[in-house]
PDB file of N, CA and C in Angstrom:
ATOM      1  N   MET A   1    -130.030 -75.735  20.587  1.00  0.00           N
ATOM      2  CA  MET A   1    -129.668 -75.332  19.242  1.00  0.00           C
ATOM      3  C   MET A   1    -130.916 -75.446  18.365  1.00  0.00           C
ATOM      4  N   ILE A   2    -131.239 -74.379  17.678  1.00  0.00           N
ATOM      5  CA  ILE A   2    -132.410 -74.357  16.805  1.00  0.00           C
ATOM      6  C   ILE A   2    -131.950 -74.235  15.356  1.00  0.00           C
ATOM      7  N   VAL A   3    -132.461 -75.115  14.510  1.00  0.00           N
ATOM      8  CA  VAL A   3    -132.153 -75.077  13.081  1.00  0.00           C
ATOM      9  C   VAL A   3    -133.324 -74.397  12.395  1.00  0.00           C
ATOM     10  N   ARG A   4    -133.034 -73.424  11.538  1.00  0.00           N
ATOM     11  CA  ARG A   4    -134.090 -72.678  10.858  1.00  0.00           C
ATOM     12  C   ARG A   4    -133.890 -72.730   9.343  1.00  0.00           C
ATOM     13  N   ILE A   5    -134.984 -72.844   8.634  1.00  0.00           N
ATOM     14  CA  ILE A   5    -134.949 -72.859   7.172  1.00  0.00           C
ATOM     15  C   ILE A   5    -134.415 -71.527   6.674  1.00  0.00           C
ATOM     16  N   GLY A   6    -133.499 -71.580   5.726  1.00  0.00           N
ATOM     17  CA  GLY A   6    -132.946 -70.371   5.122  1.00  0.00           C
ATOM     18  C   GLY A   6    -131.786 -69.768   5.891  1.00  0.00           C
ATOM     19  N   LYS A   7    -131.429 -70.352   7.028  1.00  0.00           N
ATOM     20  CA  LYS A   7    -130.312 -69.861   7.832  1.00  0.00           C
ATOM     21  C   LYS A   7    -129.169 -70.873   7.764  1.00  0.00           C
ATOM     22  N   PRO A   8    -127.935 -70.431   7.995  1.00  0.00           N
ATOM     23  CA  PRO A   8    -126.806 -71.374   7.982  1.00  0.00           C
ATOM     24  C   PRO A   8    -126.984 -72.467   9.038  1.00  0.00           C
ATOM     25  N   ALA A   9    -126.591 -73.666   8.682  1.00  0.00           N
ATOM     26  CA  ALA A   9    -126.656 -74.786   9.624  1.00  0.00           C
ATOM     27  C   ALA A   9    -125.563 -74.615  10.679  1.00  0.00           C
ATOM     28  N   PRO A  10    -125.829 -75.045  11.905  1.00  0.00           N
ATOM     29  CA  PRO A  10    -124.794 -74.972  12.932  1.00  0.00           C
ATOM     30  C   PRO A  10    -123.644 -75.922  12.581  1.00  0.00           C
ATOM     31  N   ASP A  11    -122.435 -75.518  12.912  1.00  0.00           N
ATOM     32  CA  ASP A  11    -121.281 -76.365  12.618  1.00  0.00           C
ATOM     33  C   ASP A  11    -121.322 -77.609  13.507  1.00  0.00           C
ATOM     34  N   PHE A  12    -120.934 -78.746  12.963  1.00  0.00           N
ATOM     35  CA  PHE A  12    -120.840 -79.977  13.742  1.00  0.00           C
ATOM     36  C   PHE A  12    -119.785 -80.877  13.121  1.00  0.00           C
ATOM     37  N   GLU A  13    -119.390 -81.872  13.865  1.00  0.00           N
ATOM     38  CA  GLU A  13    -118.396 -82.842  13.404  1.00  0.00           C
ATOM     39  C   GLU A  13    -119.032 -84.226  13.425  1.00  0.00           C
ATOM     40  N   ALA A  14    -118.740 -85.025  12.409  1.00  0.00           N
ATOM     41  CA  ALA A  14    -119.292 -86.374  12.319  1.00  0.00           C
ATOM     42  C   ALA A  14    -118.238 -87.310  11.743  1.00  0.00           C
ATOM     43  N   VAL A  15    -118.395 -88.584  12.015  1.00  0.00           N
ATOM     44  CA  VAL A  15    -117.510 -89.605  11.478  1.00  0.00           C
ATOM     45  C   VAL A  15    -118.186 -90.213  10.266  1.00  0.00           C
ATOM     46  N   GLY A  16    -117.429 -90.406   9.185  1.00  0.00           N
ATOM     47  CA  GLY A  16    -117.989 -90.966   7.969  1.00  0.00           C
ATOM     48  C   GLY A  16    -116.979 -91.822   7.228  1.00  0.00           C
ATOM     49  N   TYR A  17    -117.429 -92.423   6.171  1.00  0.00           N
ATOM     50  CA  TYR A  17    -116.618 -93.332   5.363  1.00  0.00           C
ATOM     51  C   TYR A  17    -116.411 -92.713   3.994  1.00  0.00           C
ATOM     52  N   LEU A  18    -115.147 -92.574   3.561  1.00  0.00           N
ATOM     53  CA  LEU A  18    -114.839 -91.985   2.263  1.00  0.00           C
ATOM     54  C   LEU A  18    -113.581 -92.628   1.700  1.00  0.00           C
ATOM     55  N   ASN A  19    -113.686 -93.124   0.477  1.00  0.00           N
ATOM     56  CA  ASN A  19    -112.536 -93.726  -0.226  1.00  0.00           C
ATOM     57  C   ASN A  19    -111.811 -94.780   0.602  1.00  0.00           C
ATOM     58  N   GLY A  20    -112.587 -95.663   1.225  1.00  0.00           N
ATOM     59  CA  GLY A  20    -112.001 -96.772   1.966  1.00  0.00           C
ATOM     60  C   GLY A  20    -111.474 -96.411   3.341  1.00  0.00           C
ATOM     61  N   GLU A  21    -111.735 -95.198   3.813  1.00  0.00           N
ATOM     62  CA  GLU A  21    -111.246 -94.767   5.116  1.00  0.00           C
ATOM     63  C   GLU A  21    -112.384 -94.225   5.967  1.00  0.00           C
ATOM     64  N   ILE A  22    -112.263 -94.425   7.263  1.00  0.00           N
ATOM     65  CA  ILE A  22    -113.178 -93.794   8.201  1.00  0.00           C
ATOM     66  C   ILE A  22    -112.480 -92.534   8.692  1.00  0.00           C
ATOM     67  N   LYS A  23    -113.150 -91.385   8.546  1.00  0.00           N
ATOM     68  CA  LYS A  23    -112.531 -90.130   8.951  1.00  0.00           C
ATOM     69  C   LYS A  23    -113.559 -89.185   9.531  1.00  0.00           C
ATOM     70  N   LYS A  24    -113.080 -88.114  10.164  1.00  0.00           N
ATOM     71  CA  LYS A  24    -113.956 -87.095  10.734  1.00  0.00           C
ATOM     72  C   LYS A  24    -114.187 -85.987   9.720  1.00  0.00           C
ATOM     73  N   PHE A  25    -115.417 -85.505   9.673  1.00  0.00           N
ATOM     74  CA  PHE A  25    -115.791 -84.418   8.783  1.00  0.00           C
ATOM     75  C   PHE A  25    -116.380 -83.298   9.616  1.00  0.00           C
ATOM     76  N   LYS A  26    -116.044 -82.066   9.270  1.00  0.00           N
ATOM     77  CA  LYS A  26    -116.656 -80.894   9.888  1.00  0.00           C
ATOM     78  C   LYS A  26    -117.455 -80.174   8.813  1.00  0.00           C
ATOM     79  N   LEU A  27    -118.659 -79.773   9.167  1.00  0.00           N
ATOM     80  CA  LEU A  27    -119.489 -79.061   8.206  1.00  0.00           C
ATOM     81  C   LEU A  27    -118.798 -77.789   7.735  1.00  0.00           C
ATOM     82  N   SER A  28    -118.075 -77.120   8.605  1.00  0.00           N
ATOM     83  CA  SER A  28    -117.394 -75.868   8.245  1.00  0.00           C
ATOM     84  C   SER A  28    -116.316 -76.073   7.181  1.00  0.00           C
ATOM     85  N   ASP A  29    -115.820 -77.297   7.021  1.00  0.00           N
ATOM     86  CA  ASP A  29    -114.824 -77.578   5.973  1.00  0.00           C
ATOM     87  C   ASP A  29    -115.424 -77.429   4.579  1.00  0.00           C
ATOM     88  N   TYR A  30    -116.738 -77.447   4.478  1.00  0.00           N
ATOM     89  CA  TYR A  30    -117.420 -77.390   3.189  1.00  0.00           C
ATOM     90  C   TYR A  30    -118.155 -76.062   2.982  1.00  0.00           C
ATOM     91  N   ARG A  31    -117.794 -75.054   3.761  1.00  0.00           N
ATOM     92  CA  ARG A  31    -118.438 -73.737   3.642  1.00  0.00           C
ATOM     93  C   ARG A  31    -118.303 -73.221   2.215  1.00  0.00           C
ATOM     94  N   GLY A  32    -119.418 -72.733   1.647  1.00  0.00           N
ATOM     95  CA  GLY A  32    -119.423 -72.207   0.292  1.00  0.00           C
ATOM     96  C   GLY A  32    -119.657 -73.260  -0.776  1.00  0.00           C
ATOM     97  N   LYS A  33    -119.800 -74.527  -0.369  1.00  0.00           N
ATOM     98  CA  LYS A  33    -120.052 -75.618  -1.315  1.00  0.00           C
ATOM     99  C   LYS A  33    -121.427 -76.210  -1.032  1.00  0.00           C
ATOM    100  N   TRP A  34    -121.989 -76.863  -2.024  1.00  0.00           N
ATOM    101  CA  TRP A  34    -123.256 -77.565  -1.830  1.00  0.00           C
ATOM    102  C   TRP A  34    -122.988 -78.841  -1.039  1.00  0.00           C
ATOM    103  N   VAL A  35    -123.820 -79.109  -0.042  1.00  0.00           N
ATOM    104  CA  VAL A  35    -123.668 -80.296   0.807  1.00  0.00           C
ATOM    105  C   VAL A  35    -125.034 -80.944   0.981  1.00  0.00           C
ATOM    106  N   VAL A  36    -125.087 -82.263   0.837  1.00  0.00           N
ATOM    107  CA  VAL A  36    -126.302 -83.023   1.100  1.00  0.00           C
ATOM    108  C   VAL A  36    -126.008 -83.952   2.263  1.00  0.00           C
ATOM    109  N   LEU A  37    -126.806 -83.862   3.314  1.00  0.00           N
ATOM    110  CA  LEU A  37    -126.624 -84.708   4.490  1.00  0.00           C
ATOM    111  C   LEU A  37    -127.747 -85.729   4.555  1.00  0.00           C
ATOM    112  N   CYS A  38    -127.393 -86.986   4.732  1.00  0.00           N
ATOM    113  CA  CYS A  38    -128.379 -88.060   4.855  1.00  0.00           C
ATOM    114  C   CYS A  38    -128.104 -88.816   6.145  1.00  0.00           C
ATOM    115  N   PHE A  39    -129.121 -88.966   6.949  1.00  0.00           N
ATOM    116  CA  PHE A  39    -128.996 -89.694   8.209  1.00  0.00           C
ATOM    117  C   PHE A  39    -129.960 -90.867   8.188  1.00  0.00           C
ATOM    118  N   TYR A  40    -129.495 -92.005   8.658  1.00  0.00           N
ATOM    119  CA  TYR A  40    -130.369 -93.159   8.791  1.00  0.00           C
ATOM    120  C   TYR A  40    -129.831 -94.029   9.916  1.00  0.00           C
ATOM    121  N   PRO A  41    -130.685 -94.823  10.557  1.00  0.00           N
ATOM    122  CA  PRO A  41    -130.226 -95.699  11.631  1.00  0.00           C
ATOM    123  C   PRO A  41    -129.209 -96.695  11.102  1.00  0.00           C
ATOM    124  N   GLY A  42    -128.318 -97.115  11.954  1.00  0.00           N
ATOM    125  CA  GLY A  42    -127.302 -98.106  11.567  1.00  0.00           C
ATOM    126  C   GLY A  42    -127.932 -99.383  11.049  1.00  0.00           C
ATOM    127  N   ASP A  43    -127.235-100.028  10.150  1.00  0.00           N
ATOM    128  CA  ASP A  43    -127.730-101.299   9.610  1.00  0.00           C
ATOM    129  C   ASP A  43    -127.858-102.329  10.728  1.00  0.00           C
ATOM    130  N   PHE A  44    -128.802-103.192  10.564  1.00  0.00           N
ATOM    131  CA  PHE A  44    -129.060-104.302  11.479  1.00  0.00           C
ATOM    132  C   PHE A  44    -129.506-103.850  12.859  1.00  0.00           C
ATOM    133  N   THR A  45    -130.138-102.668  12.948  1.00  0.00           N
ATOM    134  CA  THR A  45    -130.724-102.253  14.223  1.00  0.00           C
ATOM    135  C   THR A  45    -132.223-102.450  14.133  1.00  0.00           C
ATOM    136  N   PHE A  46    -132.873-102.383  15.244  1.00  0.00           N
ATOM    137  CA  PHE A  46    -134.316-102.584  15.285  1.00  0.00           C
ATOM    138  C   PHE A  46    -135.059-101.256  15.318  1.00  0.00           C
ATOM    139  N   VAL A  47    -134.418-100.179  14.859  1.00  0.00           N
ATOM    140  CA  VAL A  47    -135.044 -98.861  14.852  1.00  0.00           C
ATOM    141  C   VAL A  47    -135.944 -98.741  13.650  1.00  0.00           C
TER     142      VAL A  47
END
């Protein structure tokens, strides 16, 4: 899978935390909306 600047991002599913709940999110659920994605290593890891 190749990600290119200016092209739509490939759809994916991720687990996240929202309003006190852990739930699954799909990028396609936010089609047509602005989305900011931030990735970082888990807390308390040696990465």
